Protein backbone atom coordinates (compact mmCIF):
# COMPACT_ATOMS: atom_id res chain seq x y z
CA MET A 1 -0.20 -0.12 -0.26
CA SER A 2 1.24 3.51 -0.80
CA HIS A 3 2.16 5.55 1.74
CA VAL A 4 1.01 8.91 0.16
CA ASN A 5 -2.93 9.51 -1.70
CA LEU A 6 -3.01 7.72 -5.00
CA ASN A 7 -6.99 8.78 -4.95
CA THR A 8 -6.69 11.10 -8.05
CA VAL A 9 -10.13 12.83 -6.50
CA ASN A 10 -8.51 13.91 -3.13
CA LEU A 11 -5.23 14.94 -5.12
CA PRO A 12 -4.47 18.77 -5.62
CA ALA A 13 -6.95 21.03 -7.83
CA ALA A 14 -3.54 22.47 -8.78
CA SER A 15 -2.57 18.86 -10.36
CA GLN A 16 -5.57 17.74 -11.98
CA ASP A 17 -5.10 19.30 -15.57
CA LEU A 18 -1.73 17.61 -15.71
CA LEU A 19 -3.17 14.51 -14.51
CA ALA A 20 -5.36 14.89 -17.67
CA GLN A 21 -2.56 15.15 -19.83
CA VAL A 22 -1.14 11.98 -18.05
CA HIS A 23 -4.13 10.06 -18.60
CA GLU A 24 -4.67 11.11 -22.06
CA ALA A 25 -0.64 9.72 -22.67
CA PHE A 26 -1.00 6.62 -21.10
CA GLY A 27 -4.70 5.81 -22.00
CA ALA A 28 -4.80 5.57 -17.89
CA THR A 29 -2.90 7.54 -15.31
CA PRO A 30 0.10 5.61 -13.94
CA ASN A 31 0.31 5.25 -10.17
CA MET A 32 3.59 7.09 -9.80
CA PHE A 33 1.92 10.09 -11.39
CA LYS A 34 -1.13 9.97 -9.10
CA ALA A 35 2.04 9.95 -5.84
CA VAL A 36 3.96 12.63 -7.44
CA ALA A 37 0.96 14.70 -7.91
CA ASN A 38 0.35 15.38 -3.70
CA SER A 39 2.63 18.37 -5.14
CA PRO A 40 1.77 20.10 -8.28
CA ALA A 41 4.95 21.49 -8.24
CA ALA A 42 7.01 18.10 -7.97
CA LEU A 43 4.66 16.92 -10.66
CA LYS A 44 5.02 19.40 -13.40
CA SER A 45 8.69 19.21 -12.65
CA MET A 46 8.37 15.48 -13.47
CA TRP A 47 5.77 15.86 -16.27
CA VAL A 48 7.95 18.32 -18.12
CA SER A 49 10.93 16.76 -17.66
CA PHE A 50 9.69 13.89 -19.31
CA GLY A 51 8.54 15.90 -22.20
CA ALA A 52 11.76 17.67 -22.55
CA LEU A 53 14.12 14.38 -22.50
CA GLY A 54 11.69 12.95 -24.79
CA ALA A 55 12.33 15.39 -27.55
CA GLY A 56 16.18 15.32 -26.83
CA THR A 57 18.81 14.13 -29.09
CA LEU A 58 19.58 10.62 -27.08
CA GLY A 59 16.29 9.05 -28.63
CA ALA A 60 13.61 7.43 -26.75
CA LYS A 61 14.98 3.92 -27.07
CA LEU A 62 18.36 4.91 -25.21
CA GLY A 63 16.45 7.24 -22.73
CA GLU A 64 14.34 3.89 -21.76
CA GLN A 65 17.72 1.56 -21.86
CA ILE A 66 19.28 4.44 -19.52
CA ALA A 67 15.41 4.20 -17.08
CA VAL A 68 15.85 0.49 -16.75
CA ALA A 69 19.51 0.53 -15.68
CA ILE A 70 19.00 2.72 -13.09
CA ALA A 71 15.93 1.01 -12.05
CA ASN A 72 17.37 -2.08 -11.89
CA ARG A 73 20.59 -0.61 -9.94
CA ASN A 74 18.26 1.22 -7.37
CA ARG A 75 15.69 -1.64 -7.23
CA CYS A 76 12.71 0.35 -8.19
CA GLU A 77 10.63 -2.50 -9.55
CA TYR A 78 8.11 0.31 -10.67
CA CYS A 79 10.31 1.81 -13.08
CA LEU A 80 11.98 -1.39 -14.12
CA ALA A 81 8.58 -2.17 -15.25
CA ALA A 82 7.51 1.23 -16.39
CA HIS A 83 10.24 1.63 -18.65
CA THR A 84 10.51 -2.36 -20.14
CA VAL A 85 7.23 -1.48 -21.34
CA LEU A 86 8.14 2.30 -22.90
CA GLY A 87 11.14 1.21 -23.96
CA LYS A 88 9.46 -2.09 -26.42
CA GLY A 89 7.66 0.75 -27.57
CA ALA A 90 10.56 2.96 -28.26
CA GLY A 91 11.99 0.24 -30.76
CA ALA A 92 13.66 -1.78 -28.16
CA SER A 93 13.58 -5.18 -27.94
CA ALA A 94 12.93 -7.50 -25.07
CA GLU A 95 16.73 -8.78 -25.38
CA ASP A 96 17.55 -4.81 -25.68
CA MET A 97 15.82 -4.19 -22.48
CA ALA A 98 17.29 -7.08 -20.57
CA ALA A 99 20.73 -6.49 -21.49
CA ALA A 100 20.33 -2.67 -20.42
CA GLN A 101 18.71 -3.85 -17.13
CA VAL A 102 22.61 -5.19 -16.32
CA GLY A 103 23.74 -2.38 -17.94
CA GLN A 104 24.83 -3.86 -21.30
CA SER A 105 24.37 -3.66 -24.93
CA SER A 106 25.47 -5.53 -28.16
CA ASP A 107 25.71 -1.44 -29.60
CA SER A 108 29.02 0.04 -28.42
CA LYS A 109 27.88 3.36 -28.42
CA THR A 110 24.70 2.24 -26.24
CA ALA A 111 27.09 0.29 -24.04
CA ALA A 112 29.05 3.23 -23.36
CA ALA A 113 26.01 5.38 -22.06
CA LEU A 114 24.77 2.83 -19.90
CA VAL A 115 28.30 2.25 -18.44
CA PHE A 116 28.57 6.12 -17.71
CA ALA A 117 25.13 6.42 -16.09
CA LEU A 118 25.63 4.04 -13.61
CA LYS A 119 29.14 5.01 -12.74
CA VAL A 120 27.28 8.29 -11.94
CA VAL A 121 24.73 6.62 -9.98
CA SER A 122 26.99 4.26 -8.22
CA ASP A 123 29.92 6.72 -7.81
CA ARG A 124 27.44 9.53 -6.81
CA ALA A 125 28.50 11.59 -9.88
CA GLN A 126 32.22 11.42 -9.06
CA VAL A 127 33.38 10.58 -12.94
CA THR A 128 36.44 11.12 -14.39
CA ALA A 129 37.83 13.10 -17.36
CA THR A 130 38.53 9.44 -18.78
CA ASP A 131 34.85 8.53 -18.15
CA ILE A 132 33.91 11.69 -20.31
CA ALA A 133 36.49 10.79 -22.74
CA ALA A 134 35.02 7.03 -23.10
CA LEU A 135 31.50 8.85 -24.00
CA ARG A 136 33.67 10.94 -26.85
CA THR A 137 35.40 8.41 -28.23
CA ALA A 138 31.55 6.43 -28.56
CA GLY A 139 30.13 9.17 -30.59
CA PHE A 140 28.74 11.34 -28.07
CA THR A 141 28.93 15.43 -27.64
CA ASP A 142 28.97 17.62 -24.99
CA GLU A 143 25.12 18.09 -25.45
CA HIS A 144 24.64 14.19 -25.36
CA VAL A 145 26.62 13.82 -21.79
CA VAL A 146 24.67 16.20 -20.32
CA GLU A 147 21.41 14.86 -21.75
CA ILE A 148 22.25 12.01 -20.08
CA LEU A 149 23.06 13.17 -16.69
CA ALA A 150 19.57 14.74 -16.81
CA HIS A 151 17.92 10.96 -17.63
CA VAL A 152 19.95 10.21 -14.62
CA ALA A 153 18.74 12.90 -12.66
CA LEU A 154 15.12 12.08 -13.60
CA ASN A 155 15.30 8.61 -12.83
CA LEU A 156 16.80 8.80 -9.64
CA PHE A 157 14.03 11.04 -8.50
CA THR A 158 11.41 8.79 -10.02
CA ASN A 159 13.31 5.82 -8.57
CA TYR A 160 13.20 7.56 -5.09
CA THR A 161 9.60 8.52 -5.28
CA ASN A 162 8.30 4.72 -6.06
CA VAL A 163 10.75 3.26 -3.52
CA ALA A 164 10.15 5.91 -0.40
CA LEU A 165 6.41 6.16 -0.97
CA ASN A 166 6.01 2.33 -2.20
CA VAL A 167 3.95 2.71 -4.56
CA PRO A 168 2.40 0.02 -6.38
CA VAL A 169 3.45 -1.46 -10.04
CA ASP A 170 0.74 -1.12 -12.86
CA PHE A 171 2.65 -2.18 -15.41
CA PRO A 172 3.71 -5.54 -15.83
CA LYS A 173 6.05 -6.65 -13.80
CA VAL A 174 9.90 -7.64 -14.47
CA ALA A 175 12.04 -8.98 -12.05
CA LEU A 176 15.10 -7.36 -11.08
CA VAL A 177 18.28 -8.89 -11.52
CA ALA A 178 21.33 -8.88 -8.67
CA GLN A 179 24.41 -7.21 -9.47
CA GLY A 180 27.36 -7.93 -8.12
């Protein structure tokens, strides 16, 4: 059971317009958005960030692969399930998403992004010039590097929200994978 209200009728009036947009985009209102809607400011921040990054230069598929890698690392079952579905909708295969979940990809450019994103999470952004150089060698520009960091930040917010508030998963469940 969630630690916060998920009943859209009882959520702040200032959240209702954005919740309607979420509902239109998904065909339903996912529980995560209901939880975040308890704060209209937090909901606006999250929704605008999803929109901005969705229109970014990395592409939806890589964004979703980064999301599942971070979700698995943070043991966020909600985000793992949601972003696995969204990744498949963005053109990733089930195999692509399973590999991304553990920070891997058969595509070297994608693999470099996943390794970097997971290092940012694990080492609390204490990356080196060598880490950035590896991204550049893989074909990423400064714009891409900053956008990867924005994806990491947004996914940390959603992971922490779902885990801390015990938000019930309303997407097909995906098993977390243990990491060494």
